[in-house]
Amino acid sequence: MIYSSHTRLNIAFVVEVVKKIMHNPKETHLQVIYHILHYLKGTPIKGILFTKGSEMILETCTDNDYAVSIDDKRSTLDIALFLEEI
């Protein structure tokens, strides 16, 4: 699902949320994962299509804060990807 979140940007947020609870999963979290997989199965033609021979520029921006969360002292990382066809 992590790979799918790179090519299917509409699920990127929920996959990120699911990744955060992987260390202590519950039955309800498994139901969320099944729901995401069911959505992916039902929408196979959506996503980013890469064609052979096209030239593209990939730009990335990151923002990292170390132990910034007041509640649990966890670090945060934000990533933005910009893909442009020339």
C-alpha atoms as a PDB file:
ATOM      1  CA  MET A   1       0.000   0.000   0.000  1.00  0.00           C
ATOM      2  CA  ILE A   2       2.920   2.352   0.544  1.00  0.00           C
ATOM      3  CA  TYR A   3       3.878   2.008  -3.134  1.00  0.00           C
ATOM      4  CA  SER A   4       0.263   2.604  -4.134  1.00  0.00           C
ATOM      5  CA  SER A   5       0.188   5.828  -2.150  1.00  0.00           C
ATOM      6  CA  HIS A   6       2.940   7.182  -4.435  1.00  0.00           C
ATOM      7  CA  THR A   7       1.026   6.430  -7.619  1.00  0.00           C
ATOM      8  CA  ARG A   8      -2.479   6.913  -6.185  1.00  0.00           C
ATOM      9  CA  LEU A   9      -2.233  10.248  -4.421  1.00  0.00           C
ATOM     10  CA  ASN A  10      -5.878  10.139  -3.334  1.00  0.00           C
ATOM     11  CA  ILE A  11      -5.022   7.461  -0.729  1.00  0.00           C
ATOM     12  CA  ALA A  12      -1.701   8.931   0.440  1.00  0.00           C
ATOM     13  CA  PHE A  13      -3.141  10.477   3.618  1.00  0.00           C
ATOM     14  CA  VAL A  14      -4.981   7.389   4.853  1.00  0.00           C
ATOM     15  CA  VAL A  15      -1.983   5.153   4.132  1.00  0.00           C
ATOM     16  CA  GLU A  16       0.182   7.520   6.185  1.00  0.00           C
ATOM     17  CA  VAL A  17      -2.291   7.306   9.081  1.00  0.00           C
ATOM     18  CA  VAL A  18      -2.330   3.490   8.874  1.00  0.00           C
ATOM     19  CA  LYS A  19       1.485   3.418   8.877  1.00  0.00           C
ATOM     20  CA  LYS A  20       1.547   5.273  12.192  1.00  0.00           C
ATOM     21  CA  ILE A  21      -0.524   2.610  13.983  1.00  0.00           C
ATOM     22  CA  MET A  22       1.361  -0.428  12.645  1.00  0.00           C
ATOM     23  CA  HIS A  23       3.234  -0.922  15.921  1.00  0.00           C
ATOM     24  CA  ASN A  24       0.030  -1.506  17.883  1.00  0.00           C
ATOM     25  CA  PRO A  25      -2.698  -2.592  15.433  1.00  0.00           C
ATOM     26  CA  LYS A  26      -6.262  -3.401  16.439  1.00  0.00           C
ATOM     27  CA  GLU A  27      -9.087  -5.193  14.635  1.00  0.00           C
ATOM     28  CA  THR A  28     -10.613  -1.866  13.563  1.00  0.00           C
ATOM     29  CA  HIS A  29      -7.329  -0.902  11.892  1.00  0.00           C
ATOM     30  CA  LEU A  30      -7.437  -4.116   9.869  1.00  0.00           C
ATOM     31  CA  GLN A  31     -10.940  -3.179   8.718  1.00  0.00           C
ATOM     32  CA  VAL A  32      -9.583   0.186   7.504  1.00  0.00           C
ATOM     33  CA  ILE A  33      -6.854  -1.605   5.549  1.00  0.00           C
ATOM     34  CA  TYR A  34      -9.453  -3.903   3.970  1.00  0.00           C
ATOM     35  CA  HIS A  35     -11.497  -0.845   3.039  1.00  0.00           C
ATOM     36  CA  ILE A  36      -8.479   0.773   1.327  1.00  0.00           C
ATOM     37  CA  LEU A  37      -7.686  -2.446  -0.566  1.00  0.00           C
ATOM     38  CA  HIS A  38     -11.332  -2.772  -1.632  1.00  0.00           C
ATOM     39  CA  TYR A  39     -11.221   0.807  -2.945  1.00  0.00           C
ATOM     40  CA  LEU A  40      -8.008   0.107  -4.879  1.00  0.00           C
ATOM     41  CA  LYS A  41      -9.503  -3.034  -6.404  1.00  0.00           C
ATOM     42  CA  GLY A  42     -12.617  -1.131  -7.492  1.00  0.00           C
ATOM     43  CA  THR A  43     -10.716   1.731  -9.147  1.00  0.00           C
ATOM     44  CA  PRO A  44      -7.890   0.103 -11.148  1.00  0.00           C
ATOM     45  CA  ILE A  45      -7.663   2.751 -13.884  1.00  0.00           C
ATOM     46  CA  LYS A  46      -7.146   5.711 -11.581  1.00  0.00           C
ATOM     47  CA  GLY A  47      -3.652   6.891 -10.760  1.00  0.00           C
ATOM     48  CA  ILE A  48      -0.566   8.198 -12.493  1.00  0.00           C
ATOM     49  CA  LEU A  49       0.234   6.727 -15.910  1.00  0.00           C
ATOM     50  CA  PHE A  50       3.832   6.826 -17.049  1.00  0.00           C
ATOM     51  CA  THR A  51       4.320   6.479 -20.814  1.00  0.00           C
ATOM     52  CA  LYS A  52       7.522   5.248 -22.387  1.00  0.00           C
ATOM     53  CA  GLY A  53       9.642   7.969 -23.937  1.00  0.00           C
ATOM     54  CA  SER A  54       8.117  10.914 -22.094  1.00  0.00           C
ATOM     55  CA  GLU A  55      10.515  13.177 -20.218  1.00  0.00           C
ATOM     56  CA  MET A  56       9.583  14.241 -16.718  1.00  0.00           C
ATOM     57  CA  ILE A  57      11.012  16.321 -13.932  1.00  0.00           C
ATOM     58  CA  LEU A  58      10.568  15.147 -10.345  1.00  0.00           C
ATOM     59  CA  GLU A  59      10.997  17.739  -7.602  1.00  0.00           C
ATOM     60  CA  THR A  60      10.774  16.944  -3.914  1.00  0.00           C
ATOM     61  CA  CYS A  61      10.459  19.167  -0.864  1.00  0.00           C
ATOM     62  CA  THR A  62      10.790  17.916   2.693  1.00  0.00           C
ATOM     63  CA  ASP A  63      10.191  19.375   6.124  1.00  0.00           C
ATOM     64  CA  ASN A  64      11.436  17.527   9.199  1.00  0.00           C
ATOM     65  CA  ASP A  65      10.852  18.404  12.870  1.00  0.00           C
ATOM     66  CA  TYR A  66      12.685  16.383  15.507  1.00  0.00           C
ATOM     67  CA  ALA A  67      10.647  15.446  18.625  1.00  0.00           C
ATOM     68  CA  VAL A  68       8.265  18.363  18.118  1.00  0.00           C
ATOM     69  CA  SER A  69       5.042  16.681  19.269  1.00  0.00           C
ATOM     70  CA  ILE A  70       4.106  17.806  22.774  1.00  0.00           C
ATOM     71  CA  ASP A  71       2.091  14.649  23.516  1.00  0.00           C
ATOM     72  CA  ASP A  72       4.479  11.865  22.555  1.00  0.00           C
ATOM     73  CA  LYS A  73       7.736  13.611  21.526  1.00  0.00           C
ATOM     74  CA  ARG A  74       7.600  12.031  18.075  1.00  0.00           C
ATOM     75  CA  SER A  75       9.257  13.577  15.078  1.00  0.00           C
ATOM     76  CA  THR A  76       7.298  14.606  12.014  1.00  0.00           C
ATOM     77  CA  LEU A  77       8.252  14.456   8.360  1.00  0.00           C
ATOM     78  CA  ASP A  78       6.339  16.072   5.520  1.00  0.00           C
ATOM     79  CA  ILE A  79       7.141  15.299   1.902  1.00  0.00           C
ATOM     80  CA  ALA A  80       5.787  16.980  -1.226  1.00  0.00           C
ATOM     81  CA  LEU A  81       6.444  15.481  -4.651  1.00  0.00           C
ATOM     82  CA  PHE A  82       5.948  17.424  -7.868  1.00  0.00           C
ATOM     83  CA  LEU A  83       6.042  15.533 -11.151  1.00  0.00           C
ATOM     84  CA  GLU A  84       5.964  17.554 -14.362  1.00  0.00           C
ATOM     85  CA  GLU A  85       6.015  16.317 -17.932  1.00  0.00           C
ATOM     86  CA  ILE A  86       8.179  18.382 -20.267  1.00  0.00           C
END
